[in-house]
C-alpha cells in the first residue's frame, strides 16, 4: 500500500474521480488531500450536480481538506516559472503556490499540461488522474486500470491515448 502522504489537488482530478465514483481512492492512496480555496470555488459552483455532491461528501468525511490560498512567491522561483505563471488558471496557480511553499507536500494532483509543466520547472512531483488510477491498480484497489480508464472515457473525461498506454504498460496491462 502507498505511504500516507500529503498531496495538493487541483480541480480536474477530483472531478474525474467523482465522475466514476472513485473519490474514496483518495484516503486509500494518500494521507491528506489539501484543496485550496480557489479550487473549491471552481468545483463547488452551487449547482449541486452529482459530482459536486460527491466532492462535498468527501470534504465532510475528511478525505479532502480545504485550505486557504497561498500567494505565489515568484521571487523564490526560477525565471522560467515566473514567465510561465501567466499560463496557469487560478486553481492551478493557487495549488502550485501552496505546494511550492509547503514542506509537507509529496505531490500535486493535476491534469492540465500548463500546470504539469510548471510543476516540472519547480521540481514539484505531480500525478494526474490516469496516474492515480494506475497507482490504485498497483496497490490492489481494483483489478483493472484499463476498465477504470474506459469508465472515465465513457463519462466524458479525456485523457490522451499515449498517456493511457503509458499507464497501462506501467501496471502490466499493455
N, C-alpha and C. Protein backbone atom coordinates (compact mmCIF):
# COMPACT_ATOMS: atom_id res chain seq x y z
N UNK A 1 0.85 -1.19 0.00
CA UNK A 1 0.00 0.00 0.00
C UNK A 1 0.88 1.24 0.00
N UNK A 2 0.42 2.32 -0.64
CA UNK A 2 1.17 3.56 -0.72
C UNK A 2 1.31 4.18 0.67
N UNK A 3 2.44 4.87 0.86
CA UNK A 3 2.65 5.58 2.12
C UNK A 3 1.64 6.71 2.22
N UNK A 4 1.22 7.00 3.44
CA UNK A 4 0.26 8.08 3.64
C UNK A 4 1.01 9.41 3.63
N UNK A 5 0.74 10.20 2.60
CA UNK A 5 1.44 11.46 2.37
C UNK A 5 0.44 12.58 2.13
N UNK A 6 0.92 13.80 2.19
CA UNK A 6 0.10 14.96 1.89
C UNK A 6 0.24 15.31 0.42
N UNK A 7 -0.90 15.47 -0.25
CA UNK A 7 -0.94 15.91 -1.64
C UNK A 7 -1.85 17.13 -1.73
N UNK A 8 -1.65 17.90 -2.79
CA UNK A 8 -2.49 19.05 -3.06
C UNK A 8 -3.18 18.79 -4.39
N UNK A 9 -4.50 18.89 -4.41
CA UNK A 9 -5.27 18.54 -5.60
C UNK A 9 -5.81 19.78 -6.31
N UNK A 10 -5.65 19.78 -7.62
CA UNK A 10 -6.32 20.74 -8.48
C UNK A 10 -7.72 20.18 -8.77
N UNK A 11 -8.53 20.94 -9.46
CA UNK A 11 -9.93 20.56 -9.68
C UNK A 11 -10.11 19.32 -10.55
N UNK A 12 -9.39 19.23 -11.65
CA UNK A 12 -9.63 18.18 -12.64
C UNK A 12 -9.56 16.76 -12.08
N UNK A 13 -8.52 16.39 -11.32
CA UNK A 13 -8.50 15.01 -10.80
C UNK A 13 -9.67 14.71 -9.85
N UNK A 14 -10.09 15.70 -9.08
CA UNK A 14 -11.22 15.49 -8.17
C UNK A 14 -12.51 15.28 -8.94
N UNK A 15 -12.71 16.10 -9.95
CA UNK A 15 -13.92 15.98 -10.78
C UNK A 15 -13.91 14.63 -11.50
N UNK A 16 -12.76 14.25 -12.05
CA UNK A 16 -12.66 12.99 -12.77
C UNK A 16 -12.97 11.80 -11.86
N UNK A 17 -12.39 11.78 -10.67
CA UNK A 17 -12.67 10.68 -9.74
C UNK A 17 -14.14 10.66 -9.33
N UNK A 18 -14.73 11.84 -9.16
CA UNK A 18 -16.15 11.91 -8.81
C UNK A 18 -17.01 11.37 -9.95
N UNK A 19 -16.59 11.60 -11.20
CA UNK A 19 -17.35 11.15 -12.36
C UNK A 19 -17.50 9.63 -12.39
N UNK A 20 -16.51 8.92 -11.86
CA UNK A 20 -16.56 7.45 -11.89
C UNK A 20 -16.70 6.86 -10.48
N UNK A 21 -17.15 7.70 -9.57
CA UNK A 21 -17.41 7.26 -8.19
C UNK A 21 -16.17 6.62 -7.56
N UNK A 22 -15.02 7.28 -7.73
CA UNK A 22 -13.77 6.75 -7.17
C UNK A 22 -13.07 7.74 -6.23
N UNK A 23 -13.79 8.71 -5.69
CA UNK A 23 -13.17 9.63 -4.72
C UNK A 23 -12.65 8.90 -3.49
N UNK A 24 -13.25 7.77 -3.16
CA UNK A 24 -12.81 7.00 -1.99
C UNK A 24 -11.40 6.45 -2.16
N UNK A 25 -10.84 6.52 -3.37
CA UNK A 25 -9.44 6.13 -3.55
C UNK A 25 -8.50 7.08 -2.80
N UNK A 26 -8.93 8.34 -2.65
CA UNK A 26 -8.05 9.34 -2.05
C UNK A 26 -7.53 8.94 -0.67
N UNK A 27 -8.40 8.58 0.28
CA UNK A 27 -7.86 8.20 1.59
C UNK A 27 -7.10 6.87 1.56
N UNK A 28 -7.36 6.05 0.56
CA UNK A 28 -6.64 4.79 0.45
C UNK A 28 -5.23 4.98 -0.11
N UNK A 29 -5.05 6.01 -0.94
CA UNK A 29 -3.76 6.26 -1.57
C UNK A 29 -2.90 7.29 -0.84
N UNK A 30 -3.57 8.25 -0.21
CA UNK A 30 -2.86 9.39 0.36
C UNK A 30 -3.29 9.63 1.80
N UNK A 31 -2.49 10.38 2.53
CA UNK A 31 -2.86 10.74 3.90
C UNK A 31 -3.81 11.92 3.90
N UNK A 32 -3.30 13.05 3.49
CA UNK A 32 -4.08 14.29 3.48
C UNK A 32 -4.15 14.80 2.06
N UNK A 33 -5.36 15.15 1.60
CA UNK A 33 -5.55 15.77 0.29
C UNK A 33 -6.03 17.19 0.54
N UNK A 34 -5.13 18.14 0.33
CA UNK A 34 -5.47 19.55 0.53
C UNK A 34 -5.99 20.13 -0.78
N UNK A 35 -7.00 20.99 -0.65
CA UNK A 35 -7.58 21.67 -1.79
C UNK A 35 -7.70 23.15 -1.42
N UNK A 36 -7.04 24.00 -2.21
CA UNK A 36 -7.06 25.43 -1.91
C UNK A 36 -8.43 26.03 -2.19
N UNK A 37 -8.70 27.14 -1.54
CA UNK A 37 -9.98 27.84 -1.64
C UNK A 37 -10.38 28.09 -3.10
N UNK A 38 -9.45 28.54 -3.91
CA UNK A 38 -9.76 28.83 -5.32
C UNK A 38 -10.27 27.60 -6.04
N UNK A 39 -9.66 26.45 -5.80
CA UNK A 39 -10.11 25.20 -6.43
C UNK A 39 -11.48 24.81 -5.88
N UNK A 40 -11.70 24.98 -4.59
CA UNK A 40 -13.03 24.70 -4.02
C UNK A 40 -14.10 25.53 -4.73
N UNK A 41 -13.79 26.79 -4.99
CA UNK A 41 -14.75 27.65 -5.69
C UNK A 41 -14.98 27.17 -7.12
N UNK A 42 -13.94 26.66 -7.78
CA UNK A 42 -14.10 26.15 -9.14
C UNK A 42 -14.99 24.91 -9.16
N UNK A 43 -14.86 24.08 -8.14
CA UNK A 43 -15.60 22.82 -8.10
C UNK A 43 -17.01 23.01 -7.56
N UNK A 44 -17.14 23.74 -6.48
CA UNK A 44 -18.42 23.89 -5.79
C UNK A 44 -19.15 25.11 -6.33
N UNK A 45 -19.80 24.92 -7.45
CA UNK A 45 -20.42 26.03 -8.16
C UNK A 45 -21.79 26.41 -7.62
N UNK A 46 -22.35 25.56 -6.76
CA UNK A 46 -23.69 25.83 -6.25
C UNK A 46 -24.76 25.12 -7.05
N UNK A 47 -24.38 24.42 -8.10
CA UNK A 47 -25.36 23.71 -8.91
C UNK A 47 -25.70 22.35 -8.32
N UNK A 48 -24.86 21.84 -7.44
CA UNK A 48 -25.07 20.58 -6.73
C UNK A 48 -25.40 19.40 -7.64
N UNK A 49 -24.62 19.26 -8.73
CA UNK A 49 -24.77 18.04 -9.53
C UNK A 49 -24.14 16.88 -8.75
N UNK A 50 -24.22 15.70 -9.28
CA UNK A 50 -23.76 14.52 -8.53
C UNK A 50 -22.26 14.59 -8.24
N UNK A 51 -21.45 15.13 -9.16
CA UNK A 51 -20.01 15.25 -8.90
C UNK A 51 -19.75 16.19 -7.73
N UNK A 52 -20.44 17.30 -7.72
CA UNK A 52 -20.28 18.27 -6.64
C UNK A 52 -20.72 17.69 -5.30
N UNK A 53 -21.82 16.97 -5.31
CA UNK A 53 -22.28 16.33 -4.07
C UNK A 53 -21.27 15.30 -3.58
N UNK A 54 -20.67 14.54 -4.48
CA UNK A 54 -19.66 13.55 -4.10
C UNK A 54 -18.44 14.22 -3.49
N UNK A 55 -18.02 15.33 -4.07
CA UNK A 55 -16.86 16.05 -3.55
C UNK A 55 -17.19 16.67 -2.19
N UNK A 56 -18.39 17.23 -2.05
CA UNK A 56 -18.82 17.79 -0.76
C UNK A 56 -18.84 16.69 0.30
N UNK A 57 -19.28 15.50 -0.07
CA UNK A 57 -19.29 14.37 0.86
C UNK A 57 -17.85 14.02 1.28
N UNK A 58 -16.92 14.03 0.33
CA UNK A 58 -15.52 13.73 0.65
C UNK A 58 -14.95 14.76 1.61
N UNK A 59 -15.36 16.01 1.48
CA UNK A 59 -14.93 17.05 2.43
C UNK A 59 -15.51 16.75 3.81
N UNK A 60 -16.81 16.43 3.85
CA UNK A 60 -17.46 16.10 5.12
C UNK A 60 -16.82 14.89 5.80
N UNK A 61 -16.38 13.92 5.01
CA UNK A 61 -15.75 12.72 5.54
C UNK A 61 -14.29 12.95 5.94
N UNK A 62 -13.75 14.11 5.57
CA UNK A 62 -12.36 14.41 5.90
C UNK A 62 -11.36 13.87 4.91
N UNK A 63 -11.82 13.33 3.78
CA UNK A 63 -10.91 12.82 2.75
C UNK A 63 -10.23 13.98 2.04
N UNK A 64 -10.93 15.12 1.99
CA UNK A 64 -10.41 16.32 1.35
C UNK A 64 -10.42 17.43 2.39
N UNK A 65 -9.31 18.15 2.51
CA UNK A 65 -9.16 19.22 3.48
C UNK A 65 -9.05 20.56 2.76
N UNK A 66 -10.11 21.39 2.80
CA UNK A 66 -10.00 22.73 2.21
C UNK A 66 -9.01 23.58 3.01
N UNK A 67 -8.16 24.32 2.30
CA UNK A 67 -7.17 25.19 2.94
C UNK A 67 -7.15 26.54 2.22
N UNK A 68 -6.61 27.52 2.90
CA UNK A 68 -6.51 28.87 2.34
C UNK A 68 -5.52 28.91 1.18
N UNK A 69 -5.78 29.80 0.24
CA UNK A 69 -4.82 30.04 -0.83
C UNK A 69 -3.55 30.63 -0.24
N UNK A 70 -2.45 30.42 -0.95
CA UNK A 70 -1.17 31.00 -0.58
C UNK A 70 -0.71 31.84 -1.77
N UNK A 71 -0.32 33.07 -1.51
CA UNK A 71 0.16 33.93 -2.59
C UNK A 71 1.44 33.35 -3.16
N UNK A 72 1.61 33.40 -4.48
CA UNK A 72 2.83 32.85 -5.07
C UNK A 72 4.06 33.66 -4.67
N UNK A 73 5.12 32.97 -4.34
CA UNK A 73 6.39 33.62 -4.02
C UNK A 73 7.25 33.59 -5.27
N UNK A 74 6.88 34.43 -6.24
CA UNK A 74 7.56 34.42 -7.53
C UNK A 74 9.04 34.78 -7.39
N UNK A 75 9.39 35.54 -6.36
CA UNK A 75 10.78 35.92 -6.15
C UNK A 75 11.69 34.75 -5.84
N UNK A 76 11.12 33.67 -5.33
CA UNK A 76 11.94 32.49 -5.00
C UNK A 76 11.91 31.43 -6.10
N UNK A 77 11.18 31.71 -7.17
CA UNK A 77 11.03 30.72 -8.24
C UNK A 77 12.02 30.99 -9.37
N UNK A 78 12.37 29.94 -10.13
CA UNK A 78 13.22 30.13 -11.30
C UNK A 78 12.55 31.06 -12.31
N UNK A 79 13.36 31.72 -13.12
CA UNK A 79 12.85 32.67 -14.11
C UNK A 79 11.83 32.02 -15.03
N UNK A 80 12.07 30.76 -15.44
CA UNK A 80 11.13 30.08 -16.34
C UNK A 80 9.75 29.96 -15.70
N UNK A 81 9.72 29.77 -14.40
CA UNK A 81 8.44 29.65 -13.69
C UNK A 81 7.72 30.99 -13.69
N UNK A 82 8.45 32.05 -13.42
CA UNK A 82 7.83 33.38 -13.37
C UNK A 82 7.24 33.74 -14.74
N UNK A 83 7.99 33.47 -15.81
CA UNK A 83 7.49 33.82 -17.14
C UNK A 83 6.31 32.93 -17.56
N UNK A 84 6.24 31.71 -17.06
CA UNK A 84 5.15 30.81 -17.42
C UNK A 84 3.94 30.91 -16.53
N UNK A 85 4.04 31.65 -15.44
CA UNK A 85 2.96 31.73 -14.45
C UNK A 85 1.65 32.19 -15.07
N UNK A 86 1.72 33.10 -16.04
CA UNK A 86 0.51 33.67 -16.64
C UNK A 86 -0.31 32.64 -17.41
N UNK A 87 0.27 31.48 -17.73
CA UNK A 87 -0.45 30.46 -18.48
C UNK A 87 -1.28 29.53 -17.59
N UNK A 88 -1.15 29.70 -16.28
CA UNK A 88 -1.90 28.85 -15.35
C UNK A 88 -3.27 29.44 -15.09
N UNK A 89 -4.27 28.57 -14.91
CA UNK A 89 -5.57 29.08 -14.48
C UNK A 89 -5.48 29.34 -12.97
N UNK A 90 -6.43 30.07 -12.40
CA UNK A 90 -6.33 30.44 -10.99
C UNK A 90 -6.20 29.25 -10.03
N UNK A 91 -6.92 28.16 -10.29
CA UNK A 91 -6.84 26.99 -9.42
C UNK A 91 -5.47 26.33 -9.48
N UNK A 92 -4.95 26.18 -10.70
CA UNK A 92 -3.60 25.62 -10.86
C UNK A 92 -2.58 26.48 -10.13
N UNK A 93 -2.66 27.79 -10.35
CA UNK A 93 -1.69 28.71 -9.73
C UNK A 93 -1.76 28.62 -8.21
N UNK A 94 -2.95 28.60 -7.65
CA UNK A 94 -3.10 28.54 -6.19
C UNK A 94 -2.60 27.20 -5.64
N UNK A 95 -2.89 26.11 -6.34
CA UNK A 95 -2.44 24.79 -5.90
C UNK A 95 -0.93 24.69 -5.93
N UNK A 96 -0.33 25.15 -7.02
CA UNK A 96 1.12 25.09 -7.16
C UNK A 96 1.79 26.03 -6.16
N UNK A 97 1.19 27.19 -5.91
CA UNK A 97 1.75 28.11 -4.90
C UNK A 97 1.80 27.45 -3.53
N UNK A 98 0.74 26.75 -3.18
CA UNK A 98 0.73 26.06 -1.89
C UNK A 98 1.80 24.97 -1.86
N UNK A 99 1.89 24.19 -2.93
CA UNK A 99 2.89 23.12 -2.98
C UNK A 99 4.31 23.68 -2.89
N UNK A 100 4.56 24.80 -3.56
CA UNK A 100 5.88 25.43 -3.55
C UNK A 100 6.25 25.92 -2.16
N UNK A 101 5.24 26.35 -1.41
CA UNK A 101 5.51 26.93 -0.08
C UNK A 101 5.47 25.90 1.04
N UNK A 102 4.92 24.72 0.77
CA UNK A 102 4.70 23.73 1.83
C UNK A 102 5.83 22.71 1.87
N UNK A 103 6.32 22.44 3.05
CA UNK A 103 7.39 21.44 3.20
C UNK A 103 6.85 20.03 3.37
N UNK A 104 5.54 19.91 3.61
CA UNK A 104 4.97 18.59 3.89
C UNK A 104 4.27 17.96 2.69
N UNK A 105 4.41 18.54 1.51
CA UNK A 105 3.67 18.07 0.34
C UNK A 105 4.49 17.08 -0.46
N UNK A 106 3.88 15.95 -0.75
CA UNK A 106 4.52 14.91 -1.53
C UNK A 106 4.30 15.11 -3.03
N UNK A 107 3.10 15.45 -3.45
CA UNK A 107 2.78 15.60 -4.87
C UNK A 107 1.64 16.59 -5.07
N UNK A 108 1.55 17.06 -6.32
CA UNK A 108 0.41 17.86 -6.75
C UNK A 108 -0.42 16.97 -7.68
N UNK A 109 -1.70 16.85 -7.41
CA UNK A 109 -2.61 16.10 -8.27
C UNK A 109 -3.15 17.07 -9.31
N UNK A 110 -2.71 16.91 -10.54
CA UNK A 110 -3.02 17.90 -11.57
C UNK A 110 -3.00 17.24 -12.94
N UNK A 111 -3.92 17.63 -13.82
CA UNK A 111 -4.01 17.04 -15.15
C UNK A 111 -3.56 17.97 -16.27
N UNK A 112 -3.79 19.24 -16.15
CA UNK A 112 -3.58 20.17 -17.24
C UNK A 112 -2.09 20.32 -17.57
N UNK A 113 -1.81 20.43 -18.87
CA UNK A 113 -0.43 20.50 -19.36
C UNK A 113 0.33 21.68 -18.77
N UNK A 114 -0.28 22.85 -18.73
CA UNK A 114 0.43 24.02 -18.21
C UNK A 114 0.82 23.83 -16.74
N UNK A 115 -0.09 23.28 -15.95
CA UNK A 115 0.19 23.04 -14.54
C UNK A 115 1.26 21.98 -14.34
N UNK A 116 1.21 20.92 -15.13
CA UNK A 116 2.21 19.86 -15.04
C UNK A 116 3.58 20.40 -15.44
N UNK A 117 3.61 21.23 -16.47
CA UNK A 117 4.87 21.84 -16.91
C UNK A 117 5.46 22.72 -15.81
N UNK A 118 4.58 23.49 -15.15
CA UNK A 118 5.05 24.36 -14.06
C UNK A 118 5.60 23.52 -12.92
N UNK A 119 4.93 22.44 -12.58
CA UNK A 119 5.44 21.55 -11.53
C UNK A 119 6.82 21.03 -11.91
N UNK A 120 7.00 20.67 -13.15
CA UNK A 120 8.31 20.17 -13.60
C UNK A 120 9.38 21.24 -13.46
N UNK A 121 9.07 22.46 -13.87
CA UNK A 121 10.03 23.56 -13.76
C UNK A 121 10.42 23.77 -12.30
N UNK A 122 9.45 23.67 -11.41
CA UNK A 122 9.70 23.92 -9.98
C UNK A 122 10.24 22.69 -9.24
N UNK A 123 10.30 21.57 -9.92
CA UNK A 123 10.77 20.36 -9.26
C UNK A 123 9.76 19.76 -8.30
N UNK A 124 8.48 20.06 -8.52
CA UNK A 124 7.41 19.52 -7.68
C UNK A 124 6.88 18.23 -8.29
N UNK A 125 6.88 17.14 -7.55
CA UNK A 125 6.29 15.91 -8.09
C UNK A 125 4.80 16.11 -8.35
N UNK A 126 4.31 15.48 -9.41
CA UNK A 126 2.89 15.59 -9.73
C UNK A 126 2.38 14.25 -10.21
N UNK A 127 1.08 14.11 -10.13
CA UNK A 127 0.40 12.90 -10.55
C UNK A 127 -0.96 13.31 -11.09
N UNK A 128 -1.32 12.77 -12.24
CA UNK A 128 -2.62 13.07 -12.82
C UNK A 128 -3.63 11.98 -12.53
N UNK A 129 -4.80 12.15 -13.08
CA UNK A 129 -5.88 11.19 -12.85
C UNK A 129 -5.50 9.80 -13.34
N UNK A 130 -4.96 9.70 -14.55
CA UNK A 130 -4.57 8.39 -15.08
C UNK A 130 -3.52 7.75 -14.19
N UNK A 131 -2.55 8.54 -13.75
CA UNK A 131 -1.52 8.01 -12.86
C UNK A 131 -2.08 7.54 -11.53
N UNK A 132 -3.07 8.27 -11.00
CA UNK A 132 -3.71 7.83 -9.75
C UNK A 132 -4.43 6.50 -9.94
N UNK A 133 -5.10 6.34 -11.07
CA UNK A 133 -5.78 5.08 -11.33
C UNK A 133 -4.77 3.94 -11.47
N UNK A 134 -3.64 4.23 -12.11
CA UNK A 134 -2.58 3.23 -12.21
C UNK A 134 -2.02 2.89 -10.84
N UNK A 135 -1.82 3.90 -9.99
CA UNK A 135 -1.31 3.68 -8.63
C UNK A 135 -2.30 2.83 -7.82
N UNK A 136 -3.57 3.12 -7.97
CA UNK A 136 -4.60 2.36 -7.26
C UNK A 136 -4.59 0.90 -7.70
N UNK A 137 -4.46 0.67 -9.00
CA UNK A 137 -4.40 -0.70 -9.51
C UNK A 137 -3.15 -1.39 -8.97
N UNK A 138 -2.01 -0.69 -8.99
CA UNK A 138 -0.75 -1.27 -8.50
C UNK A 138 -0.83 -1.61 -7.01
N UNK A 139 -1.67 -0.90 -6.28
CA UNK A 139 -1.87 -1.15 -4.85
C UNK A 139 -3.01 -2.13 -4.58
N UNK A 140 -3.54 -2.74 -5.63
CA UNK A 140 -4.57 -3.76 -5.46
C UNK A 140 -5.94 -3.24 -5.10
N UNK A 141 -6.23 -1.98 -5.39
CA UNK A 141 -7.52 -1.41 -5.01
C UNK A 141 -8.63 -1.74 -6.00
N UNK A 142 -8.27 -2.19 -7.19
CA UNK A 142 -9.20 -2.75 -8.16
C UNK A 142 -8.40 -3.57 -9.16
N UNK A 143 -9.05 -4.47 -9.87
CA UNK A 143 -8.31 -5.42 -10.71
C UNK A 143 -7.80 -4.87 -12.04
N UNK A 144 -8.41 -3.80 -12.57
CA UNK A 144 -8.06 -3.36 -13.92
C UNK A 144 -8.05 -1.84 -14.05
N UNK A 145 -6.87 -1.29 -14.31
CA UNK A 145 -6.77 0.14 -14.60
C UNK A 145 -7.44 0.44 -15.94
N UNK A 146 -7.33 -0.48 -16.87
CA UNK A 146 -7.94 -0.27 -18.18
C UNK A 146 -9.45 -0.08 -18.05
N UNK A 147 -10.08 -0.91 -17.25
CA UNK A 147 -11.53 -0.78 -17.06
C UNK A 147 -11.89 0.57 -16.45
N UNK A 148 -11.09 1.04 -15.49
CA UNK A 148 -11.37 2.33 -14.85
C UNK A 148 -11.15 3.48 -15.84
N UNK A 149 -10.09 3.39 -16.64
CA UNK A 149 -9.83 4.43 -17.65
C UNK A 149 -10.92 4.44 -18.71
N UNK A 150 -11.44 3.28 -19.06
CA UNK A 150 -12.56 3.20 -20.01
C UNK A 150 -13.82 3.83 -19.41
N UNK A 151 -14.07 3.59 -18.13
CA UNK A 151 -15.21 4.22 -17.45
C UNK A 151 -15.08 5.74 -17.48
N UNK A 152 -13.88 6.21 -17.24
CA UNK A 152 -13.63 7.65 -17.24
C UNK A 152 -13.88 8.22 -18.63
N UNK A 153 -13.39 7.53 -19.65
CA UNK A 153 -13.62 7.97 -21.03
C UNK A 153 -15.11 7.99 -21.35
N UNK A 154 -15.82 6.94 -20.94
CA UNK A 154 -17.27 6.85 -21.18
C UNK A 154 -18.03 7.97 -20.47
N UNK A 155 -17.48 8.45 -19.36
CA UNK A 155 -18.12 9.54 -18.61
C UNK A 155 -17.83 10.91 -19.23
N UNK A 156 -16.99 10.94 -20.28
CA UNK A 156 -16.72 12.19 -20.97
C UNK A 156 -15.42 12.88 -20.57
N UNK A 157 -14.56 12.19 -19.84
CA UNK A 157 -13.29 12.77 -19.42
C UNK A 157 -12.21 12.32 -20.40
N UNK A 158 -11.49 13.28 -20.97
CA UNK A 158 -10.49 12.96 -21.99
C UNK A 158 -9.11 12.82 -21.37
N UNK A 159 -8.44 11.74 -21.72
CA UNK A 159 -7.03 11.51 -21.41
C UNK A 159 -6.39 11.01 -22.69
N UNK A 160 -5.22 11.53 -23.03
CA UNK A 160 -4.59 11.16 -24.29
C UNK A 160 -4.33 9.66 -24.36
N UNK A 161 -4.44 9.13 -25.58
CA UNK A 161 -4.20 7.70 -25.81
C UNK A 161 -2.77 7.32 -25.42
N UNK A 162 -1.82 8.21 -25.66
CA UNK A 162 -0.42 7.93 -25.28
C UNK A 162 -0.28 7.77 -23.78
N UNK A 163 -0.93 8.64 -23.03
CA UNK A 163 -0.86 8.55 -21.57
C UNK A 163 -1.55 7.28 -21.07
N UNK A 164 -2.66 6.94 -21.66
CA UNK A 164 -3.35 5.70 -21.28
C UNK A 164 -2.44 4.50 -21.52
N UNK A 165 -1.80 4.45 -22.69
CA UNK A 165 -0.88 3.34 -23.00
C UNK A 165 0.27 3.29 -21.99
N UNK A 166 0.82 4.44 -21.64
CA UNK A 166 1.93 4.50 -20.70
C UNK A 166 1.51 3.96 -19.32
N UNK A 167 0.37 4.42 -18.83
CA UNK A 167 -0.12 3.96 -17.52
C UNK A 167 -0.39 2.46 -17.55
N UNK A 168 -1.05 2.00 -18.59
CA UNK A 168 -1.35 0.56 -18.69
C UNK A 168 -0.09 -0.28 -18.76
N UNK A 169 0.93 0.21 -19.48
CA UNK A 169 2.19 -0.51 -19.55
C UNK A 169 2.85 -0.58 -18.17
N UNK A 170 2.78 0.50 -17.42
CA UNK A 170 3.40 0.53 -16.09
C UNK A 170 2.74 -0.43 -15.10
N UNK A 171 1.46 -0.73 -15.32
CA UNK A 171 0.77 -1.64 -14.40
C UNK A 171 0.56 -3.03 -15.02
N UNK A 172 1.27 -3.29 -16.12
CA UNK A 172 1.24 -4.61 -16.71
C UNK A 172 -0.03 -4.95 -17.47
N UNK A 173 -0.70 -3.94 -18.00
CA UNK A 173 -1.93 -4.18 -18.75
C UNK A 173 -1.81 -3.76 -20.21
N UNK A 174 -0.58 -3.63 -20.69
CA UNK A 174 -0.37 -3.14 -22.07
C UNK A 174 -0.79 -4.16 -23.10
